[in-house]
Amino acid sequence: MSKLVPIICLVLAFVLFSASGVKCSPDAEPVVAKMPTIFKPKKEEEKPFRYDPNKHHEKLWDTAEIKPSQVFRIDKSIGIYLDNKKRYKNIEEMRDGGVPSAVVFVLHGRESTWNFKKHLHEGSPLTGRTKWIPKGRPKTGNPPFTFEESAEDALYILKSLEKINWSRCDDALYNIEKYNGLGYLKYRNINSPYLWSGTNHYSKGKYVADGKYSSSAADKQLGTCSILLRMIDRGLDIGFR
């Protein structure tokens, strides 16, 4: 009886195999058992930091919309960033916690229309020290200065901006506005065009000179936030959200 057991097992196996409907032939490919697919739940994207309750700048950021008429201009300017990203990134990396390269870029646009022959402080030529506020920078070294020397002085030696937590939206935007001056925030009932020109948060009113305000003048430059918002739309890292 013990000799019949293996034979009976083989016969049963054959019957079961035949019942499965699988045909055997010399040309048939071997049947490979498929492992069940394991679905891993997607990791939730970390939410951007917000104060509770929300502060002024983050409220504006979360409700800002780029004016459709400005998208072409903004995309053209972002091309300048992509062409010179390494230079802006090198400035970010001058300090631990340095100013994000995208922020350096938008400040450069406002202060000197992306001209690498002008100071990042206020747009005067690198062939001398700064002529306007802040005047006489950099205080060390001899002109002509490189753009990188000017940027290091403006961002880190003069203002110590590496101490800012740039990952926090409100902190980042407040310090971008502070770079230009807090006159709009303190004394005027409009949002600063330095940030919001080109978005739904600005239409007119601007300082036409240091300390001189016009309620009818409109800022024609792109605001820093209009560019930063578009950079996020295009998948570029700006350092905060």
Protein backbone atom coordinates (compact mmCIF):
# COMPACT_ATOMS: atom_id res chain seq x y z
CA MET A 1 0.00 0.00 0.00
CA SER A 2 2.85 2.34 0.86
CA LYS A 3 4.18 1.99 -2.70
CA LEU A 4 0.83 3.10 -4.14
CA VAL A 5 0.70 6.40 -2.24
CA PRO A 6 3.13 8.32 -4.56
CA ILE A 7 1.29 7.00 -7.62
CA ILE A 8 -2.10 8.06 -6.25
CA CYS A 9 -0.69 11.54 -5.49
CA LEU A 10 0.62 11.93 -9.03
CA VAL A 11 -2.75 10.90 -10.48
CA LEU A 12 -4.62 13.40 -8.28
CA ALA A 13 -2.19 16.15 -9.24
CA PHE A 14 -2.73 15.40 -12.92
CA VAL A 15 -6.52 15.46 -12.52
CA LEU A 16 -6.42 18.79 -10.71
CA PHE A 17 -4.07 20.28 -13.29
CA SER A 18 -6.30 19.13 -16.15
CA ALA A 19 -9.37 20.61 -14.45
CA SER A 20 -7.64 23.99 -14.28
CA GLY A 21 -7.86 24.34 -18.06
CA VAL A 22 -4.14 24.95 -18.53
CA LYS A 23 -2.79 23.17 -21.58
CA CYS A 24 0.65 21.65 -21.70
CA SER A 25 2.68 21.80 -24.85
CA PRO A 26 6.38 21.77 -25.64
CA ASP A 27 6.12 25.42 -26.73
CA ALA A 28 4.16 26.62 -23.72
CA GLU A 29 5.83 29.15 -21.45
CA PRO A 30 6.18 28.11 -17.85
CA VAL A 31 3.41 29.37 -15.60
CA VAL A 32 4.81 31.73 -12.99
CA ALA A 33 2.75 32.53 -9.95
CA LYS A 34 2.25 36.28 -9.59
CA MET A 35 2.76 37.90 -6.25
CA PRO A 36 -0.11 40.10 -5.14
CA THR A 37 0.52 43.83 -5.68
CA ILE A 38 1.17 45.65 -2.45
CA PHE A 39 -0.27 49.16 -2.44
CA LYS A 40 1.54 51.59 -0.23
CA PRO A 41 -0.44 54.58 0.91
CA LYS A 42 0.92 57.87 -0.43
CA LYS A 43 2.78 59.89 2.10
CA GLU A 44 0.85 63.03 2.85
CA GLU A 45 2.64 66.18 1.73
CA GLU A 46 3.80 68.19 4.68
CA LYS A 47 1.64 71.25 5.09
CA PRO A 48 3.37 74.64 4.95
CA PHE A 49 3.92 76.34 8.28
CA ARG A 50 1.31 78.90 9.26
CA TYR A 51 0.96 80.93 12.44
CA ASP A 52 -2.20 80.47 14.48
CA PRO A 53 -3.95 82.81 14.03
CA ASN A 54 -2.58 83.57 10.57
CA LYS A 55 -0.47 86.68 10.23
CA HIS A 56 -0.74 89.50 7.70
CA HIS A 57 1.66 88.33 5.00
CA GLU A 58 0.66 84.67 4.98
CA LYS A 59 -3.02 85.67 4.67
CA LEU A 60 -2.15 87.68 1.57
CA TRP A 61 0.05 84.90 0.17
CA ASP A 62 -2.68 82.29 0.55
CA THR A 63 -5.21 84.45 -1.32
CA ALA A 64 -2.90 85.95 -3.96
CA GLU A 65 -3.62 85.47 -7.66
CA ILE A 66 -1.33 86.46 -10.49
CA LYS A 67 -2.94 88.81 -13.00
CA PRO A 68 -3.24 86.90 -16.31
CA SER A 69 -1.81 89.88 -18.19
CA GLN A 70 1.46 89.52 -16.27
CA VAL A 71 2.14 85.81 -16.76
CA PHE A 72 4.19 86.24 -19.94
CA ARG A 73 6.39 88.90 -18.32
CA ILE A 74 6.86 86.75 -15.25
CA ASP A 75 7.79 83.65 -17.23
CA LYS A 76 10.31 85.68 -19.20
CA SER A 77 11.91 86.90 -15.98
CA ILE A 78 12.04 83.37 -14.59
CA GLY A 79 14.16 82.50 -17.61
CA ILE A 80 16.80 84.88 -16.21
CA TYR A 81 16.75 82.94 -12.94
CA LEU A 82 17.17 79.60 -14.70
CA ASP A 83 20.07 80.94 -16.77
CA ASN A 84 21.84 82.28 -13.66
CA LYS A 85 20.63 79.88 -10.98
CA LYS A 86 24.14 78.80 -10.04
CA ARG A 87 25.14 82.38 -9.18
CA TYR A 88 22.08 82.89 -7.00
CA LYS A 89 22.59 79.50 -5.37
CA ASN A 90 26.21 80.38 -4.55
CA ILE A 91 24.97 83.49 -2.75
CA GLU A 92 22.49 81.41 -0.76
CA GLU A 93 25.30 79.06 0.25
CA MET A 94 27.56 81.84 1.54
CA ARG A 95 26.00 81.27 4.96
CA ASP A 96 24.27 78.43 6.79
CA GLY A 97 20.57 79.24 6.58
CA GLY A 98 21.29 81.69 3.78
CA VAL A 99 18.68 83.59 1.79
CA PRO A 100 17.03 81.18 -0.71
CA SER A 101 18.33 81.61 -4.23
CA ALA A 102 14.83 82.44 -5.52
CA VAL A 103 14.52 85.24 -2.97
CA VAL A 104 17.94 86.62 -3.92
CA PHE A 105 16.71 86.59 -7.51
CA VAL A 106 13.50 88.55 -6.88
CA LEU A 107 15.34 91.11 -4.72
CA HIS A 108 17.84 91.52 -7.55
CA GLY A 109 14.97 92.19 -9.94
CA ARG A 110 13.44 94.89 -7.78
CA GLU A 111 16.70 96.62 -6.88
CA SER A 112 18.61 96.50 -10.15
CA THR A 113 16.45 94.81 -12.82
CA TRP A 114 18.70 91.72 -12.83
CA ASN A 115 21.76 93.71 -13.86
CA PHE A 116 24.87 91.96 -12.54
CA LYS A 117 26.84 95.21 -12.85
CA LYS A 118 24.80 96.92 -10.13
CA HIS A 119 24.64 96.68 -6.34
CA LEU A 120 22.03 94.44 -4.77
CA HIS A 121 21.49 97.04 -2.03
CA GLU A 122 19.88 99.72 -4.19
CA GLY A 123 20.97 99.43 -7.81
CA SER A 124 23.91 101.83 -8.15
CA PRO A 125 26.93 100.73 -10.28
CA LEU A 126 29.47 98.27 -8.87
CA THR A 127 32.22 100.60 -10.04
CA GLY A 128 31.82 102.48 -6.76
CA ARG A 129 30.19 102.20 -3.34
CA THR A 130 26.42 102.54 -3.06
CA LYS A 131 25.13 106.07 -3.75
CA TRP A 132 21.70 105.84 -2.14
CA ILE A 133 20.24 104.31 1.02
CA PRO A 134 22.13 102.43 2.36
CA LYS A 135 24.93 104.77 1.28
CA GLY A 136 28.64 103.92 1.13
CA ARG A 137 28.40 100.11 1.02
CA PRO A 138 30.37 97.88 1.14
CA LYS A 139 32.46 99.58 3.77
CA THR A 140 35.46 97.31 3.19
CA GLY A 141 37.27 96.42 0.00
CA ASN A 142 37.90 98.57 -3.03
CA PRO A 143 35.73 99.09 -6.11
CA PRO A 144 34.95 97.82 -8.62
CA PHE A 145 33.07 95.15 -6.67
CA THR A 146 31.74 91.87 -7.98
CA PHE A 147 28.01 91.23 -7.76
CA GLU A 148 28.72 88.45 -5.27
CA GLU A 149 30.70 90.81 -3.00
CA SER A 150 27.84 93.30 -3.12
CA ALA A 151 25.24 90.58 -2.40
CA GLU A 152 27.19 89.24 0.57
CA ASP A 153 27.42 92.73 2.05
CA ALA A 154 23.74 93.53 1.43
CA LEU A 155 22.28 90.26 2.69
CA TYR A 156 24.64 89.04 5.38
CA ILE A 157 27.10 91.69 6.56
CA LEU A 158 24.62 94.57 6.68
CA LYS A 159 21.35 92.75 7.44
CA SER A 160 22.31 89.28 8.83
CA LEU A 161 19.48 87.68 6.87
CA GLU A 162 20.87 84.20 7.47
CA LYS A 163 19.26 84.45 10.93
CA ILE A 164 15.75 84.46 9.43
CA ASN A 165 13.75 81.23 9.25
CA TRP A 166 13.12 81.36 5.51
CA SER A 167 10.97 78.22 5.57
CA ARG A 168 8.17 80.18 7.30
CA CYS A 169 6.04 82.05 4.80
CA ASP A 170 5.16 85.07 6.95
CA ASP A 171 8.73 85.49 8.18
CA ALA A 172 10.07 85.29 4.64
CA LEU A 173 7.60 87.79 3.20
CA TYR A 174 7.95 90.22 6.09
CA ASN A 175 11.72 90.32 5.60
CA ILE A 176 11.41 90.71 1.84
CA GLU A 177 9.22 93.77 2.46
CA LYS A 178 11.57 95.01 5.18
CA TYR A 179 14.47 94.84 2.70
CA ASN A 180 12.77 97.65 0.79
CA GLY A 181 11.27 99.40 3.81
CA LEU A 182 8.13 99.09 5.92
CA GLY A 183 6.55 102.39 4.92
CA TYR A 184 3.53 100.76 3.27
CA LEU A 185 2.94 98.44 6.20
CA LYS A 186 3.25 101.15 8.84
CA TYR A 187 1.87 104.28 7.20
CA ARG A 188 -0.18 103.45 4.10
CA ASN A 189 -3.44 101.59 3.69
CA ILE A 190 -2.24 99.60 0.67
CA ASN A 191 -0.23 96.45 0.18
CA SER A 192 3.38 96.99 -0.82
CA PRO A 193 3.92 96.85 -4.60
CA TYR A 194 7.43 95.60 -3.80
CA LEU A 195 5.68 92.33 -2.99
CA TRP A 196 2.29 92.39 -4.65
CA SER A 197 2.55 94.29 -7.95
CA GLY A 198 1.28 91.95 -10.66
CA THR A 199 -1.26 90.29 -8.35
CA ASN A 200 -4.83 90.92 -7.23
CA HIS A 201 -3.49 92.52 -4.03
CA TYR A 202 -2.19 95.70 -5.68
CA SER A 203 -3.47 98.31 -8.14
CA LYS A 204 -1.91 101.72 -7.40
CA GLY A 205 -0.12 103.90 -4.87
CA LYS A 206 3.65 103.94 -4.38
CA TYR A 207 6.63 105.76 -2.98
CA VAL A 208 8.09 107.61 -5.95
CA ALA A 209 11.19 108.56 -3.96
CA ASP A 210 12.50 107.95 -0.44
CA GLY A 211 9.81 109.27 1.87
CA LYS A 212 7.68 110.69 -0.98
CA TYR A 213 4.37 108.90 -1.58
CA SER A 214 1.89 109.24 -4.45
CA SER A 215 -1.58 107.70 -4.19
CA SER A 216 -2.10 107.87 -7.96
CA ALA A 217 1.22 106.44 -9.14
CA ALA A 218 1.22 102.77 -10.14
CA ASP A 219 4.23 100.50 -9.79
CA LYS A 220 5.15 99.03 -13.17
CA GLN A 221 7.73 96.54 -11.90
CA LEU A 222 6.81 92.97 -11.11
CA GLY A 223 6.32 92.37 -7.41
CA THR A 224 8.50 89.79 -5.73
CA CYS A 225 5.50 87.63 -4.78
CA SER A 226 4.06 87.55 -8.29
CA ILE A 227 7.30 85.94 -9.46
CA LEU A 228 7.64 83.61 -6.48
CA LEU A 229 4.06 82.38 -6.87
CA ARG A 230 4.67 81.62 -10.53
CA MET A 231 7.91 79.83 -9.69
CA ILE A 232 5.93 77.50 -7.41
CA ASP A 233 3.40 76.94 -10.22
CA ARG A 234 6.31 75.82 -12.39
CA GLY A 235 7.65 73.43 -9.78
CA LEU A 236 10.61 75.53 -8.64
CA ASP A 237 11.73 75.58 -5.02
CA ILE A 238 11.58 79.03 -3.46
CA GLY A 239 12.41 78.04 0.14
CA PHE A 240 8.90 78.38 1.59
CA ARG A 241 5.25 77.83 0.63
